[in-house]
């Protein structure tokens, strides 16, 4: 008990003094996750809207896959990305394996189905509400897509926050493709796993506190956006 209390006290001290190792790990985690979620949003928002609005061959299959891949095991994504980026893989010439770039790719693939599937549901609901109005304005396909994405922006931001929560807490895929290399690819989740196995509870607790704070912040933002969006659909 005394050891745990001492570790917790040291963890708080590391947070208050902005310990160099802790801030480096947190900074890399945020950079990787923000970049991955940004790329996933750029791809997932129009993809989800297209699935909801347009009729094209394979649309139903794509919709099913997006929903199914929302629960895709991270280690499977990590394995696929590893095989693609390894020296014998088709993208091995890029030299991304065991770099932050590989972790961004893995997290993007994990988050993309979440954002796309939630976007499809949001846009489908809006389409039913505004279909007659858009028809009366003779809006083209692209105009419909842009208009509904804009009208559903608060709900879509909630989807993006959900993706960020998945990305920042992910450990399996980034461990496989990043290698958990100190000062290079060590992020919060992989560092917690490593430091706990080593018995260095102070750093693990400090990083755990940061992760919990991020999770609470993301949920508060999502609730706030939901309250802002509610009058739109009332």
C-alpha atoms as a PDB file:
ATOM      1  CA  UNK A   1       0.000   0.000   0.000  1.00  0.00           C
ATOM      2  CA  UNK A   2       2.837   2.362   0.848  1.00  0.00           C
ATOM      3  CA  UNK A   3       4.494   1.625  -2.499  1.00  0.00           C
ATOM      4  CA  UNK A   4       1.261   2.395  -4.337  1.00  0.00           C
ATOM      5  CA  UNK A   5       0.802   5.650  -2.445  1.00  0.00           C
ATOM      6  CA  UNK A   6       4.381   6.658  -3.195  1.00  0.00           C
ATOM      7  CA  UNK A   7       3.938   5.789  -6.885  1.00  0.00           C
ATOM      8  CA  UNK A   8       0.743   7.823  -7.076  1.00  0.00           C
ATOM      9  CA  UNK A   9       2.431  10.784  -5.392  1.00  0.00           C
ATOM     10  CA  UNK A  10       5.344  10.574  -7.810  1.00  0.00           C
ATOM     11  CA  UNK A  11       2.923  10.362 -10.722  1.00  0.00           C
ATOM     12  CA  UNK A  12       1.224  13.590  -9.607  1.00  0.00           C
ATOM     13  CA  UNK A  13       4.634  15.219  -9.243  1.00  0.00           C
ATOM     14  CA  UNK A  14       5.545  14.182 -12.792  1.00  0.00           C
ATOM     15  CA  UNK A  15       2.322  15.712 -14.057  1.00  0.00           C
ATOM     16  CA  UNK A  16       2.742  18.965 -12.162  1.00  0.00           C
ATOM     17  CA  UNK A  17       6.382  19.393 -13.179  1.00  0.00           C
ATOM     18  CA  UNK A  18       5.733  18.319 -16.778  1.00  0.00           C
ATOM     19  CA  UNK A  19       8.245  15.483 -16.673  1.00  0.00           C
ATOM     20  CA  UNK A  20      10.186  15.305 -19.954  1.00  0.00           C
ATOM     21  CA  UNK A  21       9.534  11.600 -20.625  1.00  0.00           C
ATOM     22  CA  UNK A  22       5.844  11.919 -19.834  1.00  0.00           C
ATOM     23  CA  UNK A  23       5.300  15.011 -21.975  1.00  0.00           C
ATOM     24  CA  UNK A  24       7.215  13.453 -24.876  1.00  0.00           C
ATOM     25  CA  UNK A  25       5.018  10.353 -24.807  1.00  0.00           C
ATOM     26  CA  UNK A  26       1.794  12.356 -24.459  1.00  0.00           C
ATOM     27  CA  UNK A  27       2.836  14.708 -27.259  1.00  0.00           C
ATOM     28  CA  UNK A  28       3.586  11.857 -29.661  1.00  0.00           C
ATOM     29  CA  UNK A  29       0.307  10.141 -28.770  1.00  0.00           C
ATOM     30  CA  UNK A  30      -1.686  13.281 -29.513  1.00  0.00           C
ATOM     31  CA  UNK A  31       0.158  13.957 -32.780  1.00  0.00           C
ATOM     32  CA  UNK A  32      -0.386  10.423 -34.033  1.00  0.00           C
ATOM     33  CA  UNK A  33      -4.042  10.261 -33.019  1.00  0.00           C
ATOM     34  CA  UNK A  34      -4.973  13.747 -34.246  1.00  0.00           C
ATOM     35  CA  UNK A  35      -3.343  13.056 -37.612  1.00  0.00           C
ATOM     36  CA  UNK A  36      -4.983   9.635 -37.940  1.00  0.00           C
ATOM     37  CA  UNK A  37      -8.427  10.958 -37.008  1.00  0.00           C
ATOM     38  CA  UNK A  38      -8.020  13.935 -39.351  1.00  0.00           C
ATOM     39  CA  UNK A  39      -7.226  11.637 -42.274  1.00  0.00           C
ATOM     40  CA  UNK A  40     -10.050   9.272 -41.316  1.00  0.00           C
ATOM     41  CA  UNK A  41     -12.492  12.201 -41.200  1.00  0.00           C
ATOM     42  CA  UNK A  42     -11.402  13.469 -44.627  1.00  0.00           C
ATOM     43  CA  UNK A  43     -12.082  10.015 -46.068  1.00  0.00           C
ATOM     44  CA  UNK A  44     -14.906   8.817 -43.846  1.00  0.00           C
ATOM     45  CA  UNK A  45     -17.277  11.788 -43.904  1.00  0.00           C
ATOM     46  CA  UNK A  46     -17.777  11.888 -47.706  1.00  0.00           C
ATOM     47  CA  UNK A  47     -17.702   8.080 -47.880  1.00  0.00           C
ATOM     48  CA  UNK A  48     -20.453   7.738 -45.295  1.00  0.00           C
ATOM     49  CA  UNK A  49     -22.496  10.478 -46.950  1.00  0.00           C
ATOM     50  CA  UNK A  50     -22.115   8.802 -50.339  1.00  0.00           C
ATOM     51  CA  UNK A  51     -23.335   5.479 -48.932  1.00  0.00           C
ATOM     52  CA  UNK A  52     -26.389   7.233 -47.487  1.00  0.00           C
ATOM     53  CA  UNK A  53     -27.243   9.328 -50.559  1.00  0.00           C
ATOM     54  CA  UNK A  54     -26.217   7.518 -53.727  1.00  0.00           C
ATOM     55  CA  UNK A  55     -27.136   4.243 -55.355  1.00  0.00           C
ATOM     56  CA  UNK A  56     -24.184   2.354 -56.835  1.00  0.00           C
ATOM     57  CA  UNK A  57     -23.098  -1.278 -57.286  1.00  0.00           C
ATOM     58  CA  UNK A  58     -21.876  -2.791 -54.032  1.00  0.00           C
ATOM     59  CA  UNK A  59     -23.485  -0.087 -51.870  1.00  0.00           C
ATOM     60  CA  UNK A  60     -25.210  -2.544 -49.530  1.00  0.00           C
ATOM     61  CA  UNK A  61     -22.069  -4.615 -49.164  1.00  0.00           C
ATOM     62  CA  UNK A  62     -20.042  -1.504 -48.376  1.00  0.00           C
ATOM     63  CA  UNK A  63     -22.594  -0.387 -45.780  1.00  0.00           C
ATOM     64  CA  UNK A  64     -22.481  -3.810 -44.103  1.00  0.00           C
ATOM     65  CA  UNK A  65     -18.668  -3.814 -44.101  1.00  0.00           C
ATOM     66  CA  UNK A  66     -18.478  -0.339 -42.573  1.00  0.00           C
ATOM     67  CA  UNK A  67     -20.757  -1.376 -39.731  1.00  0.00           C
ATOM     68  CA  UNK A  68     -18.940  -4.671 -39.252  1.00  0.00           C
ATOM     69  CA  UNK A  69     -15.506  -3.048 -39.245  1.00  0.00           C
ATOM     70  CA  UNK A  70     -16.510  -0.680 -36.444  1.00  0.00           C
ATOM     71  CA  UNK A  71     -15.596  -3.535 -34.119  1.00  0.00           C
ATOM     72  CA  UNK A  72     -12.528  -4.658 -36.052  1.00  0.00           C
ATOM     73  CA  UNK A  73      -9.902  -6.142 -33.670  1.00  0.00           C
ATOM     74  CA  UNK A  74      -6.918  -3.748 -33.474  1.00  0.00           C
ATOM     75  CA  UNK A  75      -4.389  -6.582 -33.604  1.00  0.00           C
ATOM     76  CA  UNK A  76      -5.816  -7.691 -36.955  1.00  0.00           C
ATOM     77  CA  UNK A  77      -5.397  -4.168 -38.325  1.00  0.00           C
ATOM     78  CA  UNK A  78      -1.883  -4.084 -36.913  1.00  0.00           C
ATOM     79  CA  UNK A  79      -1.043  -7.399 -38.571  1.00  0.00           C
ATOM     80  CA  UNK A  80      -2.393  -6.269 -41.966  1.00  0.00           C
ATOM     81  CA  UNK A  81      -0.507  -2.965 -41.821  1.00  0.00           C
ATOM     82  CA  UNK A  82       2.656  -4.785 -40.699  1.00  0.00           C
ATOM     83  CA  UNK A  83       2.464  -7.154 -43.667  1.00  0.00           C
ATOM     84  CA  UNK A  84       1.848  -4.272 -46.057  1.00  0.00           C
ATOM     85  CA  UNK A  85       4.738  -2.174 -44.726  1.00  0.00           C
ATOM     86  CA  UNK A  86       7.268  -4.919 -44.071  1.00  0.00           C
ATOM     87  CA  UNK A  87      10.288  -5.205 -46.376  1.00  0.00           C
ATOM     88  CA  UNK A  88       8.677  -8.034 -48.304  1.00  0.00           C
ATOM     89  CA  UNK A  89       5.315  -6.243 -48.448  1.00  0.00           C
ATOM     90  CA  UNK A  90       3.994  -4.141 -51.329  1.00  0.00           C
ATOM     91  CA  UNK A  91       4.648  -0.874 -49.473  1.00  0.00           C
ATOM     92  CA  UNK A  92       7.937  -1.885 -47.880  1.00  0.00           C
ATOM     93  CA  UNK A  93       9.888   0.550 -50.070  1.00  0.00           C
ATOM     94  CA  UNK A  94       8.315   3.442 -48.146  1.00  0.00           C
ATOM     95  CA  UNK A  95      10.226   2.485 -44.999  1.00  0.00           C
ATOM     96  CA  UNK A  96       7.321   3.344 -42.705  1.00  0.00           C
ATOM     97  CA  UNK A  97       7.390   0.277 -40.469  1.00  0.00           C
ATOM     98  CA  UNK A  98       8.307   1.073 -36.838  1.00  0.00           C
ATOM     99  CA  UNK A  99       7.739   4.794 -37.386  1.00  0.00           C
ATOM    100  CA  UNK A 100       4.953   7.156 -36.278  1.00  0.00           C
ATOM    101  CA  UNK A 101       3.711   7.051 -39.882  1.00  0.00           C
ATOM    102  CA  UNK A 102       2.901   3.354 -39.556  1.00  0.00           C
ATOM    103  CA  UNK A 103       0.967   4.026 -36.353  1.00  0.00           C
ATOM    104  CA  UNK A 104      -0.996   6.778 -38.102  1.00  0.00           C
ATOM    105  CA  UNK A 105      -1.937   4.368 -40.907  1.00  0.00           C
ATOM    106  CA  UNK A 106      -3.073   1.713 -38.399  1.00  0.00           C
ATOM    107  CA  UNK A 107      -5.132   4.124 -36.327  1.00  0.00           C
ATOM    108  CA  UNK A 108      -6.661   5.677 -39.439  1.00  0.00           C
ATOM    109  CA  UNK A 109      -7.836   2.252 -40.629  1.00  0.00           C
ATOM    110  CA  UNK A 110      -9.355   1.586 -37.200  1.00  0.00           C
ATOM    111  CA  UNK A 111     -11.161   4.910 -37.010  1.00  0.00           C
ATOM    112  CA  UNK A 112     -12.311   5.184 -40.636  1.00  0.00           C
ATOM    113  CA  UNK A 113     -15.193   2.652 -40.379  1.00  0.00           C
ATOM    114  CA  UNK A 114     -16.478   4.329 -37.202  1.00  0.00           C
ATOM    115  CA  UNK A 115     -16.622   7.797 -38.745  1.00  0.00           C
ATOM    116  CA  UNK A 116     -17.977   6.548 -42.074  1.00  0.00           C
ATOM    117  CA  UNK A 117     -20.728   4.373 -40.536  1.00  0.00           C
ATOM    118  CA  UNK A 118     -21.883   7.072 -38.108  1.00  0.00           C
ATOM    119  CA  UNK A 119     -21.768   9.646 -40.896  1.00  0.00           C
ATOM    120  CA  UNK A 120     -23.908   7.424 -43.114  1.00  0.00           C
ATOM    121  CA  UNK A 121     -26.537   7.119 -40.387  1.00  0.00           C
ATOM    122  CA  UNK A 122     -26.538  10.871 -39.706  1.00  0.00           C
ATOM    123  CA  UNK A 123     -26.829  11.803 -43.382  1.00  0.00           C
ATOM    124  CA  UNK A 124     -29.527   9.172 -43.992  1.00  0.00           C
ATOM    125  CA  UNK A 125     -31.643  10.678 -41.199  1.00  0.00           C
ATOM    126  CA  UNK A 126     -31.151  14.179 -42.583  1.00  0.00           C
ATOM    127  CA  UNK A 127     -31.976  13.042 -46.111  1.00  0.00           C
ATOM    128  CA  UNK A 128     -35.411  11.848 -44.994  1.00  0.00           C
ATOM    129  CA  UNK A 129     -36.037  15.182 -43.284  1.00  0.00           C
ATOM    130  CA  UNK A 130     -34.840  17.468 -46.085  1.00  0.00           C
ATOM    131  CA  UNK A 131     -35.499  15.355 -49.184  1.00  0.00           C
ATOM    132  CA  UNK A 132     -38.532  17.316 -50.419  1.00  0.00           C
ATOM    133  CA  UNK A 133     -36.846  20.648 -49.795  1.00  0.00           C
ATOM    134  CA  UNK A 134     -33.727  19.610 -51.702  1.00  0.00           C
ATOM    135  CA  UNK A 135     -35.847  18.325 -54.581  1.00  0.00           C
ATOM    136  CA  UNK A 136     -37.731  21.623 -54.757  1.00  0.00           C
ATOM    137  CA  UNK A 137     -34.415  23.472 -54.993  1.00  0.00           C
ATOM    138  CA  UNK A 138     -33.244  21.093 -57.735  1.00  0.00           C
ATOM    139  CA  UNK A 139     -30.078  20.390 -55.766  1.00  0.00           C
ATOM    140  CA  UNK A 140     -27.566  18.188 -57.560  1.00  0.00           C
ATOM    141  CA  UNK A 141     -25.865  15.150 -56.011  1.00  0.00           C
ATOM    142  CA  UNK A 142     -22.806  17.085 -54.855  1.00  0.00           C
ATOM    143  CA  UNK A 143     -24.938  19.929 -53.481  1.00  0.00           C
ATOM    144  CA  UNK A 144     -27.002  17.415 -51.507  1.00  0.00           C
ATOM    145  CA  UNK A 145     -23.891  15.824 -50.046  1.00  0.00           C
ATOM    146  CA  UNK A 146     -22.289  19.118 -49.014  1.00  0.00           C
ATOM    147  CA  UNK A 147     -25.554  20.534 -47.644  1.00  0.00           C
ATOM    148  CA  UNK A 148     -26.371  17.522 -45.504  1.00  0.00           C
ATOM    149  CA  UNK A 149     -22.820  17.238 -44.208  1.00  0.00           C
ATOM    150  CA  UNK A 150     -22.963  20.885 -43.167  1.00  0.00           C
ATOM    151  CA  UNK A 151     -26.399  20.584 -41.560  1.00  0.00           C
ATOM    152  CA  UNK A 152     -25.261  17.540 -39.616  1.00  0.00           C
ATOM    153  CA  UNK A 153     -21.908  19.022 -38.617  1.00  0.00           C
ATOM    154  CA  UNK A 154     -22.492  18.807 -34.870  1.00  0.00           C
ATOM    155  CA  UNK A 155     -23.512  15.160 -34.990  1.00  0.00           C
ATOM    156  CA  UNK A 156     -20.600  14.457 -37.325  1.00  0.00           C
ATOM    157  CA  UNK A 157     -18.203  16.134 -34.891  1.00  0.00           C
ATOM    158  CA  UNK A 158     -19.513  13.724 -32.270  1.00  0.00           C
ATOM    159  CA  UNK A 159     -18.636  10.853 -34.625  1.00  0.00           C
ATOM    160  CA  UNK A 160     -15.138  12.271 -35.042  1.00  0.00           C
ATOM    161  CA  UNK A 161     -14.756  12.516 -31.258  1.00  0.00           C
ATOM    162  CA  UNK A 162     -15.816   8.875 -30.985  1.00  0.00           C
ATOM    163  CA  UNK A 163     -13.096   8.018 -33.480  1.00  0.00           C
ATOM    164  CA  UNK A 164     -10.537   9.997 -31.509  1.00  0.00           C
ATOM    165  CA  UNK A 165     -11.488   8.135 -28.336  1.00  0.00           C
ATOM    166  CA  UNK A 166     -10.898   4.837 -30.131  1.00  0.00           C
ATOM    167  CA  UNK A 167      -7.574   5.998 -31.564  1.00  0.00           C
ATOM    168  CA  UNK A 168      -6.021   7.472 -28.424  1.00  0.00           C
ATOM    169  CA  UNK A 169      -6.840   4.370 -26.355  1.00  0.00           C
ATOM    170  CA  UNK A 170      -5.602   1.832 -28.921  1.00  0.00           C
ATOM    171  CA  UNK A 171      -2.654  -0.379 -28.011  1.00  0.00           C
ATOM    172  CA  UNK A 172      -2.559  -3.584 -30.079  1.00  0.00           C
ATOM    173  CA  UNK A 173      -2.116  -2.193 -33.577  1.00  0.00           C
ATOM    174  CA  UNK A 174       0.378   0.528 -32.639  1.00  0.00           C
ATOM    175  CA  UNK A 175       2.423  -1.963 -30.638  1.00  0.00           C
ATOM    176  CA  UNK A 176       2.745  -4.204 -33.717  1.00  0.00           C
ATOM    177  CA  UNK A 177       3.536  -1.563 -36.330  1.00  0.00           C
ATOM    178  CA  UNK A 178       5.332   0.924 -34.079  1.00  0.00           C
ATOM    179  CA  UNK A 179       7.442  -1.418 -32.007  1.00  0.00           C
ATOM    180  CA  UNK A 180       7.133   0.703 -28.831  1.00  0.00           C
ATOM    181  CA  UNK A 181      10.569   2.260 -29.426  1.00  0.00           C
ATOM    182  CA  UNK A 182      11.684   4.789 -26.813  1.00  0.00           C
ATOM    183  CA  UNK A 183      11.788   8.401 -28.045  1.00  0.00           C
ATOM    184  CA  UNK A 184      10.398   7.296 -31.390  1.00  0.00           C
ATOM    185  CA  UNK A 185       7.151   5.303 -31.360  1.00  0.00           C
ATOM    186  CA  UNK A 186       6.282   4.964 -27.662  1.00  0.00           C
ATOM    187  CA  UNK A 187       2.776   6.283 -27.043  1.00  0.00           C
ATOM    188  CA  UNK A 188       0.695   6.379 -23.882  1.00  0.00           C
ATOM    189  CA  UNK A 189      -0.981   2.988 -24.151  1.00  0.00           C
ATOM    190  CA  UNK A 190       2.162   1.073 -25.098  1.00  0.00           C
ATOM    191  CA  UNK A 191       4.189   2.920 -22.462  1.00  0.00           C
ATOM    192  CA  UNK A 192       1.649   2.023 -19.766  1.00  0.00           C
ATOM    193  CA  UNK A 193       1.854  -1.647 -20.730  1.00  0.00           C
ATOM    194  CA  UNK A 194       5.651  -1.590 -20.717  1.00  0.00           C
ATOM    195  CA  UNK A 195       6.140   0.413 -17.521  1.00  0.00           C
ATOM    196  CA  UNK A 196       3.613  -1.726 -15.640  1.00  0.00           C
ATOM    197  CA  UNK A 197       5.456  -4.900 -16.663  1.00  0.00           C
ATOM    198  CA  UNK A 198       8.715  -3.286 -15.471  1.00  0.00           C
ATOM    199  CA  UNK A 199       7.169  -2.252 -12.181  1.00  0.00           C
ATOM    200  CA  UNK A 200       7.593   1.497 -12.854  1.00  0.00           C
ATOM    201  CA  UNK A 201       4.121   2.385 -11.646  1.00  0.00           C
ATOM    202  CA  UNK A 202       4.731   6.137 -11.350  1.00  0.00           C
ATOM    203  CA  UNK A 203       5.050   6.785 -15.071  1.00  0.00           C
ATOM    204  CA  UNK A 204       2.269   4.284 -15.850  1.00  0.00           C
ATOM    205  CA  UNK A 205      -0.066   6.001 -13.372  1.00  0.00           C
ATOM    206  CA  UNK A 206       0.814   9.442 -14.714  1.00  0.00           C
ATOM    207  CA  UNK A 207       0.025   8.387 -18.268  1.00  0.00           C
ATOM    208  CA  UNK A 208      -3.128   6.637 -17.074  1.00  0.00           C
ATOM    209  CA  UNK A 209      -4.335   9.851 -15.443  1.00  0.00           C
ATOM    210  CA  UNK A 210      -3.775  11.717 -18.713  1.00  0.00           C
ATOM    211  CA  UNK A 211      -5.696   9.062 -20.660  1.00  0.00           C
ATOM    212  CA  UNK A 212      -8.614   9.218 -18.237  1.00  0.00           C
ATOM    213  CA  UNK A 213      -8.634  13.022 -18.448  1.00  0.00           C
ATOM    214  CA  UNK A 214      -8.714  12.818 -22.242  1.00  0.00           C
ATOM    215  CA  UNK A 215     -11.553  10.282 -22.158  1.00  0.00           C
ATOM    216  CA  UNK A 216     -13.617  12.499 -19.838  1.00  0.00           C
ATOM    217  CA  UNK A 217     -12.902  15.557 -21.988  1.00  0.00           C
ATOM    218  CA  UNK A 218     -13.953  13.777 -25.176  1.00  0.00           C
ATOM    219  CA  UNK A 219     -17.203  12.620 -23.580  1.00  0.00           C
ATOM    220  CA  UNK A 220     -17.984  16.101 -22.257  1.00  0.00           C
ATOM    221  CA  UNK A 221     -17.367  17.571 -25.697  1.00  0.00           C
ATOM    222  CA  UNK A 222     -19.618  14.940 -27.269  1.00  0.00           C
ATOM    223  CA  UNK A 223     -22.411  15.695 -24.788  1.00  0.00           C
ATOM    224  CA  UNK A 224     -22.016  19.407 -25.402  1.00  0.00           C
ATOM    225  CA  UNK A 225     -22.195  18.974 -29.165  1.00  0.00           C
ATOM    226  CA  UNK A 226     -25.260  16.762 -28.782  1.00  0.00           C
ATOM    227  CA  UNK A 227     -27.000  19.504 -26.788  1.00  0.00           C
ATOM    228  CA  UNK A 228     -26.070  22.089 -29.416  1.00  0.00           C
ATOM    229  CA  UNK A 229     -27.318  19.880 -32.231  1.00  0.00           C
ATOM    230  CA  UNK A 230     -30.619  18.926 -30.580  1.00  0.00           C
ATOM    231  CA  UNK A 231     -32.486  22.172 -31.409  1.00  0.00           C
ATOM    232  CA  UNK A 232     -31.622  21.685 -35.089  1.00  0.00           C
ATOM    233  CA  UNK A 233     -33.609  18.497 -35.291  1.00  0.00           C
ATOM    234  CA  UNK A 234     -36.385  19.470 -32.904  1.00  0.00           C
END
